[in-house]
Amino acid sequence: MTEWKYLNSVAFKTRYVVAASFLTGCKRIVEIGSYKTPIYDFMDDTFREFVIYEIKDGVPFEKCPGIKDYGLVILGLDLESVDESEVWKLVENSRVAVLETAVEYFNGRTQLERVLLNTSKKVVFRCVFDFEGNDYGDLTGSAVLLVKRLMVVLE
């Protein structure tokens, strides 16, 4: 099984620190695809409700009926097996959405572009991270290292 071992590196974990800084006012956090680094590991001890959905075997995440006043986090945007219109609804209904993908990854980049085209939310933060040259640890059996990352925050 291919793993994304580099996501556990200090360099890549900084994405979560930045993302968490935009979620401080949210009582609920909906995260899609946390892998081994869920956002709650990077947030303070203030009480929050966390809902984490993993995308596995082509089965889409459950809808979030009734959840209000939430922050949405999708780091490593790659939702091929999901109805994109459901993601657009989650973004549109969120208080704040933090989305991130690899610049070099065509599917993630174009999914992000479609989200931006299908929301009334405004981009309040846009940043490209370049993690080239950092220590990622042992990458034996790891997926291809994608070091340029684009993060967008919508409100």
Protein backbone atom coordinates (compact mmCIF):
# COMPACT_ATOMS: atom_id res chain seq x y z
CA MET A 1 0.00 0.00 0.00
CA THR A 2 1.32 3.41 -0.97
CA GLU A 3 1.66 5.89 1.87
CA TRP A 4 2.16 9.63 1.92
CA LYS A 5 4.92 9.52 4.54
CA TYR A 6 6.15 13.05 3.79
CA LEU A 7 2.86 14.45 5.13
CA ASN A 8 4.14 13.60 8.63
CA SER A 9 7.24 15.79 8.19
CA VAL A 10 7.62 19.04 10.10
CA ALA A 11 7.55 20.97 6.82
CA PHE A 12 4.24 19.54 5.67
CA LYS A 13 2.65 19.82 9.11
CA THR A 14 3.03 23.60 8.86
CA ARG A 15 0.04 23.51 6.47
CA TYR A 16 -2.09 22.44 9.44
CA VAL A 17 -0.73 25.19 11.68
CA VAL A 18 -1.68 27.79 9.07
CA ALA A 19 -5.08 26.16 8.44
CA ALA A 20 -5.85 26.01 12.18
CA SER A 21 -5.20 29.74 12.53
CA PHE A 22 -8.20 30.43 10.28
CA LEU A 23 -10.52 28.11 12.22
CA THR A 24 -10.16 29.55 15.72
CA GLY A 25 -13.66 31.09 15.74
CA CYS A 26 -15.46 27.93 14.60
CA LYS A 27 -17.22 25.74 17.15
CA ARG A 28 -17.39 22.85 14.68
CA ILE A 29 -14.74 21.66 12.26
CA VAL A 30 -15.54 19.38 9.32
CA GLU A 31 -12.40 17.82 7.89
CA ILE A 32 -12.29 15.67 4.79
CA GLY A 33 -9.33 13.35 4.42
CA SER A 34 -7.21 13.99 7.51
CA TYR A 35 -5.00 10.95 6.84
CA LYS A 36 -2.59 10.65 9.80
CA THR A 37 -2.59 14.33 10.76
CA PRO A 38 -6.08 15.46 11.82
CA ILE A 39 -6.56 19.20 12.25
CA TYR A 40 -7.48 18.85 15.92
CA ASP A 41 -3.84 17.96 16.66
CA PHE A 42 -2.97 21.54 15.67
CA MET A 43 -5.67 23.46 17.53
CA ASP A 44 -5.86 24.78 21.06
CA ASP A 45 -7.87 23.15 23.82
CA THR A 46 -10.98 25.28 23.29
CA PHE A 47 -13.97 22.96 23.04
CA ARG A 48 -14.86 22.16 19.47
CA GLU A 49 -16.78 19.42 17.75
CA PHE A 50 -14.75 17.68 15.06
CA VAL A 51 -16.29 15.69 12.22
CA ILE A 52 -13.77 13.82 10.06
CA TYR A 53 -14.66 12.06 6.83
CA GLU A 54 -12.26 9.79 5.01
CA ILE A 55 -12.79 9.07 1.33
CA LYS A 56 -12.27 5.35 0.78
CA ASP A 57 -13.10 2.88 -1.96
CA GLY A 58 -15.13 5.37 -3.96
CA VAL A 59 -17.70 5.82 -1.18
CA PRO A 60 -18.57 9.49 -0.72
CA PHE A 61 -18.64 11.05 2.73
CA GLU A 62 -21.96 11.48 4.47
CA LYS A 63 -23.79 14.75 4.01
CA CYS A 64 -23.71 17.15 6.96
CA PRO A 65 -27.39 17.95 7.54
CA GLY A 66 -28.09 20.40 10.30
CA ILE A 67 -24.46 21.33 10.97
CA LYS A 68 -24.18 25.10 11.19
CA ASP A 69 -21.36 27.52 11.91
CA TYR A 70 -18.59 25.16 10.87
CA GLY A 71 -15.14 25.48 9.43
CA LEU A 72 -14.28 23.17 6.55
CA VAL A 73 -10.78 21.77 6.03
CA ILE A 74 -9.60 19.81 3.00
CA LEU A 75 -5.82 19.62 2.83
CA GLY A 76 -4.59 17.57 -0.11
CA LEU A 77 -7.69 18.13 -2.24
CA ASP A 78 -8.31 14.99 -4.28
CA LEU A 79 -11.97 14.03 -4.36
CA GLU A 80 -12.26 12.00 -7.55
CA SER A 81 -14.82 9.58 -6.12
CA VAL A 82 -17.08 12.29 -4.69
CA ASP A 83 -19.91 14.26 -6.28
CA GLU A 84 -18.23 17.67 -6.52
CA SER A 85 -21.53 19.49 -6.09
CA GLU A 86 -21.67 18.08 -2.54
CA VAL A 87 -18.25 19.59 -1.85
CA TRP A 88 -19.41 22.91 -3.31
CA LYS A 89 -22.39 22.85 -0.89
CA LEU A 90 -20.10 22.15 2.07
CA VAL A 91 -17.89 25.08 1.06
CA GLU A 92 -20.83 27.39 0.47
CA ASN A 93 -22.48 26.56 3.80
CA SER A 94 -19.28 26.82 5.84
CA ARG A 95 -18.27 29.82 7.90
CA VAL A 96 -14.73 29.44 6.56
CA ALA A 97 -13.20 26.88 4.20
CA VAL A 98 -9.50 26.03 4.07
CA LEU A 99 -8.61 24.13 0.90
CA GLU A 100 -5.18 22.98 -0.20
CA THR A 101 -3.73 20.92 -3.02
CA ALA A 102 -0.45 20.18 -4.74
CA VAL A 103 0.28 22.69 -7.49
CA GLU A 104 1.81 19.87 -9.58
CA TYR A 105 -1.29 17.66 -9.22
CA PHE A 106 -3.66 18.37 -12.10
CA ASN A 107 -6.78 16.74 -10.59
CA GLY A 108 -6.49 18.56 -7.28
CA ARG A 109 -5.69 21.88 -8.91
CA THR A 110 -8.64 21.69 -11.31
CA GLN A 111 -10.98 20.57 -8.50
CA LEU A 112 -9.92 23.64 -6.53
CA GLU A 113 -10.55 25.85 -9.56
CA ARG A 114 -14.07 24.39 -9.92
CA VAL A 115 -14.79 25.02 -6.24
CA LEU A 116 -13.75 28.65 -6.67
CA LEU A 117 -16.02 28.98 -9.70
CA ASN A 118 -19.00 27.49 -7.86
CA THR A 119 -19.04 29.46 -4.62
CA SER A 120 -19.99 32.96 -3.60
CA LYS A 121 -17.29 32.85 -0.90
CA LYS A 122 -14.42 35.30 -1.24
CA VAL A 123 -10.76 34.35 -1.15
CA VAL A 124 -9.30 35.95 1.98
CA PHE A 125 -5.94 34.16 1.88
CA ARG A 126 -3.99 32.53 -0.91
CA CYS A 127 -0.50 31.12 -0.45
CA VAL A 128 1.89 28.83 -2.30
CA PHE A 129 4.16 26.79 -0.04
CA ASP A 130 7.40 25.42 -1.47
CA PHE A 131 8.70 22.61 0.72
CA GLU A 132 11.67 21.78 -1.54
CA GLY A 133 14.84 20.78 0.31
CA ASN A 134 13.30 19.92 3.69
CA ASP A 135 13.89 16.73 5.67
CA TYR A 136 10.96 14.38 5.04
CA GLY A 137 12.33 11.32 6.83
CA ASP A 138 12.33 7.85 5.30
CA LEU A 139 10.25 7.93 2.11
CA THR A 140 10.58 4.22 1.29
CA GLY A 141 7.23 3.09 -0.13
CA SER A 142 5.89 6.62 -0.10
CA ALA A 143 3.87 8.30 -2.82
CA VAL A 144 5.53 10.80 -5.12
CA LEU A 145 6.66 13.87 -3.21
CA LEU A 146 4.70 16.96 -4.32
CA VAL A 147 6.43 19.92 -2.69
CA LYS A 148 4.62 22.95 -4.11
CA ARG A 149 1.26 23.41 -2.38
CA LEU A 150 -1.51 25.97 -2.92
CA MET A 151 -3.70 26.92 0.05
CA VAL A 152 -6.84 29.02 -0.32
CA VAL A 153 -9.05 30.27 2.52
CA LEU A 154 -12.62 31.27 1.70
CA GLU A 155 -15.07 33.27 3.81
